[in-house]
Structure formats: structure tokens, C-alpha cells
């Protein structure tokens, strides 16, 4: 838009301004306003967190989109597209964004650390990336919380703030399973359980670590299958330590070579 940006672009956070009055007043008034733009250019309404809008507001927005489509374009950003009513979805080109790669998140977090003069370690950045799961907002929140709480951005501090089972414990557990040392593997899972971590968190991190663990592909698939079945049972409410210990036993059994 260049020089016409202020007159031709309307940005709203729909999680704050989500009622029908906002659509009738701000958005409709903006769409009605005449702005001189180069040929082929249109005014733009950007609605962030559009899935927070009430149904009444969405119905009013739908009507506004119909009336002013020749002069105004609408960009709706949302986390849950299912909350956007079908008439609006049918009038939009839906673009789905995948999670960011680990490298993209790591590069941005390192850039922030250097800009803000934060002290960090390589393991700390890896921990931020691990806990973010492809979400840049979560990564920045975890970075800020760790910095405010401890100052130093290292692996131990990040996992304390995020309150997640440390991946190193999970890696040790998997290594013991591969060596068929069921007692040592069970002890690690038992210790995590006794520390107060929920079985949901434990099983989720077991899956995430296994996915990137260096083991033969066929065995990794067998491990993921067993982890998935256990995760399903835990999600259904069967979330005792016995469930996790049974998983450890099955993982150890998978490593045994048939006679």
C-alpha cells in the first residue's frame, strides 16, 4: 500500500473487538469510505483472532463482505477455522500454515537473545525449540519466562519453567529399553511419575523424543505404535503408573530378536 497504508488498511484484533457493533461501525464505515488507490488495488481489512468473533458479528461481517467485495478485501487470521461460519469460509481462499521448523525457531530465539543481551547456552536454545513444538509464540513466552525466572537460558532452567519431563531422562529410558534393561528403564519412568509429572506429559515427551531418536526405522515404527496405543489409553483415563510400566515392558520386548 505504501503511502496509502493508513487510509487503506484497517487492522483489528478480533479477540478484543469481537462484537456486532465493531462490524457495523468500524468495519462497515471503513468499507464505505472512499480512498483513491492505484488501479487494481483494494482496501484491506485484517482481522486477527477472527475465530473469537461472536456468531452475530460473523453474520454481519458476511453481509459487509458481500456488499463491498469490489473495493475491499478481507483477511481473517485464526487458530481454529472450524469456528468461522461456513458462509464466510465459502467466500474466502483458505490458506493453512504449517508449524515452523526447529531451525526457524532457533534462529529467531538466538536473534532475540542477542538483541536483549540474554545469556544462553546451545542446550538452552534446543530446550526452547523442543518445548515450543513449532509455535513461535510459545517459544518467545518460554524464553521470557526462563529469563525472568532464572536469567540464564539453559536446558535445566527451561524445563523447570515449562514443567516438562526432561528429554535426557526419556533418552536414557529409551537407551535402557534398547539394551533390554527393563528395571533401569522402569526406574526412570517411575521417578518422573513420582515427581508429579502427569502421564499425559510423560507419554507426549516419550513420543517426541522417540520420533527423533537414532534407532533403526522398523524399530522406531514399532516403538511409535506402542506409544500411540498407550497414549490413547491414557487419554481415555487409564493413566496410572502401571500403564507406563507396561509400555516400558512392551518396548523392551520389541528389541528382543526372535529365536
Protein backbone atom coordinates (compact mmCIF):
# COMPACT_ATOMS: atom_id res chain seq x y z
CA UNK A 1 0.00 0.00 0.00
CA UNK A 2 2.94 2.33 0.56
CA UNK A 3 1.79 5.92 1.17
CA UNK A 4 -1.86 4.80 1.31
CA UNK A 5 -1.32 2.34 4.16
CA UNK A 6 -3.03 4.41 6.89
CA UNK A 7 -6.11 5.16 4.81
CA UNK A 8 -6.41 1.81 3.02
CA UNK A 9 -5.68 -0.75 5.74
CA UNK A 10 -7.77 -1.49 8.85
CA UNK A 11 -6.23 -3.86 11.43
CA UNK A 12 -8.33 -5.23 14.27
CA UNK A 13 -7.72 -7.83 16.97
CA UNK A 14 -11.00 -9.71 16.88
CA UNK A 15 -10.37 -11.29 20.29
CA UNK A 16 -10.81 -7.81 21.82
CA UNK A 17 -13.17 -6.23 19.29
CA UNK A 18 -15.42 -9.16 18.52
CA UNK A 19 -18.98 -7.89 18.83
CA UNK A 20 -21.52 -6.98 16.19
CA UNK A 21 -21.12 -3.26 16.90
CA UNK A 22 -17.49 -3.38 15.73
CA UNK A 23 -18.59 -4.85 12.39
CA UNK A 24 -21.43 -2.37 11.98
CA UNK A 25 -19.39 0.66 12.98
CA UNK A 26 -15.64 0.27 12.39
CA UNK A 27 -15.57 -2.30 9.58
CA UNK A 28 -18.63 -1.16 7.65
CA UNK A 29 -17.65 2.52 7.94
CA UNK A 30 -14.17 1.70 6.70
CA UNK A 31 -15.54 -0.32 3.78
CA UNK A 32 -17.83 2.59 2.83
CA UNK A 33 -15.04 5.17 2.94
CA UNK A 34 -13.71 6.18 -0.45
CA UNK A 35 -9.94 6.04 -0.84
CA UNK A 36 -8.09 6.91 -4.03
CA UNK A 37 -5.83 3.97 -4.86
CA UNK A 38 -3.86 2.92 -7.95
CA UNK A 39 -5.72 0.84 -10.49
CA UNK A 40 -6.23 -2.77 -9.35
CA UNK A 41 -5.57 -2.00 -5.69
CA UNK A 42 -8.14 -2.52 -2.92
CA UNK A 43 -8.63 -1.52 0.68
CA UNK A 44 -7.79 -4.31 3.15
CA UNK A 45 -9.43 -5.28 6.43
CA UNK A 46 -7.20 -7.52 8.57
CA UNK A 47 -8.94 -9.39 11.39
CA UNK A 48 -6.61 -11.23 13.76
CA UNK A 49 -8.07 -13.97 16.03
CA UNK A 50 -11.19 -13.94 13.86
CA UNK A 51 -12.38 -17.21 15.41
CA UNK A 52 -13.09 -15.25 18.62
CA UNK A 53 -15.88 -13.24 16.94
CA UNK A 54 -19.43 -13.92 18.03
CA UNK A 55 -21.75 -15.62 15.55
CA UNK A 56 -23.82 -12.44 15.24
CA UNK A 57 -20.71 -10.44 14.39
CA UNK A 58 -19.70 -13.04 11.80
CA UNK A 59 -23.13 -12.89 10.17
CA UNK A 60 -22.86 -9.09 9.99
CA UNK A 61 -19.33 -9.41 8.58
CA UNK A 62 -20.57 -11.82 5.94
CA UNK A 63 -23.07 -9.21 4.71
CA UNK A 64 -20.40 -6.50 4.68
CA UNK A 65 -18.07 -8.74 2.68
CA UNK A 66 -20.80 -9.29 0.10
CA UNK A 67 -21.67 -5.59 -0.29
CA UNK A 68 -18.14 -4.20 -0.53
CA UNK A 69 -16.21 -7.01 -2.22
CA UNK A 70 -15.42 -4.82 -5.25
CA UNK A 71 -13.49 -2.23 -3.25
CA UNK A 72 -12.38 -4.03 -0.07
CA UNK A 73 -10.57 -7.29 0.62
CA UNK A 74 -10.80 -9.15 3.93
CA UNK A 75 -8.00 -11.16 5.55
CA UNK A 76 -9.03 -13.30 8.53
CA UNK A 77 -6.37 -14.94 10.71
CA UNK A 78 -7.49 -17.66 13.11
CA UNK A 79 -6.27 -20.65 15.11
CA UNK A 80 -9.46 -22.69 14.78
CA UNK A 81 -11.02 -22.29 11.31
CA UNK A 82 -13.94 -24.52 12.32
CA UNK A 83 -15.24 -21.62 14.43
CA UNK A 84 -15.65 -19.46 11.33
CA UNK A 85 -19.18 -19.81 9.91
CA UNK A 86 -19.50 -21.65 6.61
CA UNK A 87 -20.83 -18.65 4.58
CA UNK A 88 -17.63 -16.71 5.37
CA UNK A 89 -15.38 -19.72 4.70
CA UNK A 90 -17.01 -20.22 1.29
CA UNK A 91 -16.18 -16.63 0.36
CA UNK A 92 -12.51 -16.95 1.31
CA UNK A 93 -9.45 -18.70 -0.05
CA UNK A 94 -8.31 -20.84 2.89
CA UNK A 95 -4.54 -20.90 3.46
CA UNK A 96 -3.24 -23.23 6.15
CA UNK A 97 0.18 -22.59 7.67
CA UNK A 98 2.23 -25.47 9.00
CA UNK A 99 4.31 -25.35 12.16
CA UNK A 100 7.65 -23.60 11.94
CA UNK A 101 10.77 -25.72 11.58
CA UNK A 102 13.15 -26.16 14.51
CA UNK A 103 15.79 -24.11 12.68
CA UNK A 104 13.43 -21.19 12.09
CA UNK A 105 12.52 -21.04 15.76
CA UNK A 106 16.12 -21.47 16.92
CA UNK A 107 17.37 -18.68 14.62
CA UNK A 108 14.72 -16.24 15.88
CA UNK A 109 15.31 -17.12 19.55
CA UNK A 110 19.08 -16.63 19.16
CA UNK A 111 18.42 -13.31 17.45
CA UNK A 112 16.20 -12.21 20.37
CA UNK A 113 18.79 -13.32 22.92
CA UNK A 114 21.49 -11.26 21.19
CA UNK A 115 19.22 -8.23 20.83
CA UNK A 116 18.16 -8.35 24.50
CA UNK A 117 21.63 -9.32 25.75
CA UNK A 118 20.36 -12.56 27.32
CA UNK A 119 22.85 -15.19 28.45
CA UNK A 120 22.14 -18.55 26.85
CA UNK A 121 23.63 -21.94 26.08
CA UNK A 122 23.21 -24.10 22.98
CA UNK A 123 21.34 -26.69 25.07
CA UNK A 124 19.04 -23.92 26.33
CA UNK A 125 18.08 -22.94 22.79
CA UNK A 126 17.43 -26.60 21.97
CA UNK A 127 15.19 -26.85 25.04
CA UNK A 128 13.22 -23.75 23.95
CA UNK A 129 12.76 -25.28 20.49
CA UNK A 130 11.72 -28.64 21.98
CA UNK A 131 9.07 -27.12 24.27
CA UNK A 132 7.73 -24.78 21.56
CA UNK A 133 6.61 -27.60 19.23
CA UNK A 134 6.70 -25.36 16.17
CA UNK A 135 4.88 -22.44 17.83
CA UNK A 136 6.90 -19.20 17.78
CA UNK A 137 4.62 -17.52 20.32
CA UNK A 138 5.17 -20.39 22.76
CA UNK A 139 8.93 -20.22 22.16
CA UNK A 140 9.05 -16.50 22.96
CA UNK A 141 6.85 -16.98 26.05
CA UNK A 142 9.15 -19.76 27.31
CA UNK A 143 12.21 -17.60 26.62
CA UNK A 144 10.75 -14.67 28.55
CA UNK A 145 9.63 -16.85 31.49
CA UNK A 146 13.04 -18.51 31.76
CA UNK A 147 14.85 -15.17 31.53
CA UNK A 148 12.61 -13.59 34.19
CA UNK A 149 12.84 -16.60 36.49
CA UNK A 150 16.50 -17.61 36.23
CA UNK A 151 18.37 -15.21 33.97
CA UNK A 152 20.45 -17.91 32.28
CA UNK A 153 18.76 -19.68 29.36
CA UNK A 154 19.97 -23.25 29.76
CA UNK A 155 18.32 -26.64 29.39
CA UNK A 156 17.67 -27.22 33.09
CA UNK A 157 16.06 -23.81 33.64
CA UNK A 158 13.85 -24.03 30.56
CA UNK A 159 12.38 -27.39 31.60
CA UNK A 160 11.88 -26.13 35.17
CA UNK A 161 9.84 -23.20 33.87
CA UNK A 162 7.90 -25.27 31.34
CA UNK A 163 7.44 -28.07 33.89
CA UNK A 164 8.02 -30.84 31.36
CA UNK A 165 9.92 -34.14 31.80
CA UNK A 166 13.48 -33.54 30.63
CA UNK A 167 14.20 -35.24 27.27
CA UNK A 168 17.53 -36.53 28.60
CA UNK A 169 15.65 -38.74 31.08
CA UNK A 170 13.47 -40.01 28.24
CA UNK A 171 16.54 -40.70 26.09
CA UNK A 172 18.11 -42.69 28.94
CA UNK A 173 14.87 -44.64 29.30
CA UNK A 174 14.84 -45.49 25.58
CA UNK A 175 18.51 -46.49 25.71
CA UNK A 176 17.77 -48.91 28.55
CA UNK A 177 14.85 -50.33 26.58
CA UNK A 178 17.12 -50.89 23.60
CA UNK A 179 19.58 -52.68 25.90
CA UNK A 180 16.64 -54.67 27.32
CA UNK A 181 17.33 -53.32 30.83
CA UNK A 182 13.72 -53.14 31.96
CA UNK A 183 14.48 -52.35 35.62
CA UNK A 184 16.59 -49.28 34.78
CA UNK A 185 14.04 -48.09 32.20
CA UNK A 186 11.15 -48.51 34.62
CA UNK A 187 13.02 -46.63 37.37
CA UNK A 188 13.27 -43.53 35.17
CA UNK A 189 9.56 -43.58 34.30
CA UNK A 190 8.69 -44.22 37.94
CA UNK A 191 10.86 -41.30 39.11
CA UNK A 192 9.20 -38.94 36.60
CA UNK A 193 5.77 -40.11 37.77
CA UNK A 194 6.70 -39.56 41.42
CA UNK A 195 8.00 -36.06 40.63
CA UNK A 196 4.40 -35.17 39.79
CA UNK A 197 4.50 -35.11 36.01
CA UNK A 198 1.23 -36.21 34.50
CA UNK A 199 1.21 -39.42 32.44
CA UNK A 200 -0.06 -37.28 29.53
CA UNK A 201 3.10 -35.12 29.66
CA UNK A 202 5.36 -38.14 30.09
CA UNK A 203 3.89 -40.09 27.17
CA UNK A 204 3.87 -36.98 24.94
CA UNK A 205 7.58 -36.39 25.53
CA UNK A 206 8.35 -40.08 25.04
CA UNK A 207 6.76 -39.82 21.60
CA UNK A 208 8.57 -36.58 20.69
CA UNK A 209 11.97 -37.94 21.75
CA UNK A 210 11.40 -41.32 20.05
CA UNK A 211 10.47 -39.60 16.79
CA UNK A 212 13.96 -38.07 16.56
CA UNK A 213 15.90 -40.86 18.29
CA UNK A 214 18.59 -42.62 16.27
CA UNK A 215 17.37 -46.22 16.00
CA UNK A 216 16.55 -48.49 13.04
CA UNK A 217 13.46 -47.29 11.21
CA UNK A 218 11.49 -50.52 11.60
CA UNK A 219 12.08 -50.47 15.37
CA UNK A 220 11.18 -46.79 15.63
CA UNK A 221 7.85 -47.51 13.93
CA UNK A 222 7.17 -50.36 16.37
CA UNK A 223 8.01 -48.07 19.30
CA UNK A 224 5.75 -45.30 18.00
CA UNK A 225 2.92 -47.80 17.53
CA UNK A 226 3.15 -48.92 21.17
CA UNK A 227 3.49 -45.33 22.40
CA UNK A 228 0.43 -44.33 20.38
CA UNK A 229 -1.69 -47.13 21.84
CA UNK A 230 -0.59 -46.20 25.37
CA UNK A 231 -1.31 -42.52 24.69
CA UNK A 232 -4.82 -43.45 23.58
CA UNK A 233 -5.46 -45.39 26.80
CA UNK A 234 -4.10 -42.54 28.93
CA UNK A 235 -6.33 -40.06 27.08
CA UNK A 236 -9.29 -42.31 27.86
CA UNK A 237 -8.47 -42.06 31.58
CA UNK A 238 -6.33 -45.12 32.26
CA UNK A 239 -3.37 -43.05 33.43
CA UNK A 240 -1.73 -45.00 36.26
CA UNK A 241 1.95 -45.81 36.66
CA UNK A 242 1.05 -49.40 35.74
CA UNK A 243 0.09 -48.20 32.25
CA UNK A 244 3.50 -46.57 31.77
CA UNK A 245 5.38 -49.56 33.17
CA UNK A 246 3.50 -51.82 30.75
CA UNK A 247 4.70 -49.58 27.91
CA UNK A 248 8.30 -49.95 29.09
CA UNK A 249 7.91 -53.73 29.13
CA UNK A 250 6.48 -53.77 25.60
CA UNK A 251 9.28 -51.53 24.30
CA UNK A 252 11.88 -53.84 25.81
CA UNK A 253 10.13 -56.84 24.27
CA UNK A 254 10.27 -55.20 20.82
CA UNK A 255 14.07 -55.15 21.00
CA UNK A 256 14.37 -58.90 21.58
CA UNK A 257 15.48 -60.78 18.49
CA UNK A 258 13.26 -63.73 17.57
CA UNK A 259 14.86 -67.11 18.23
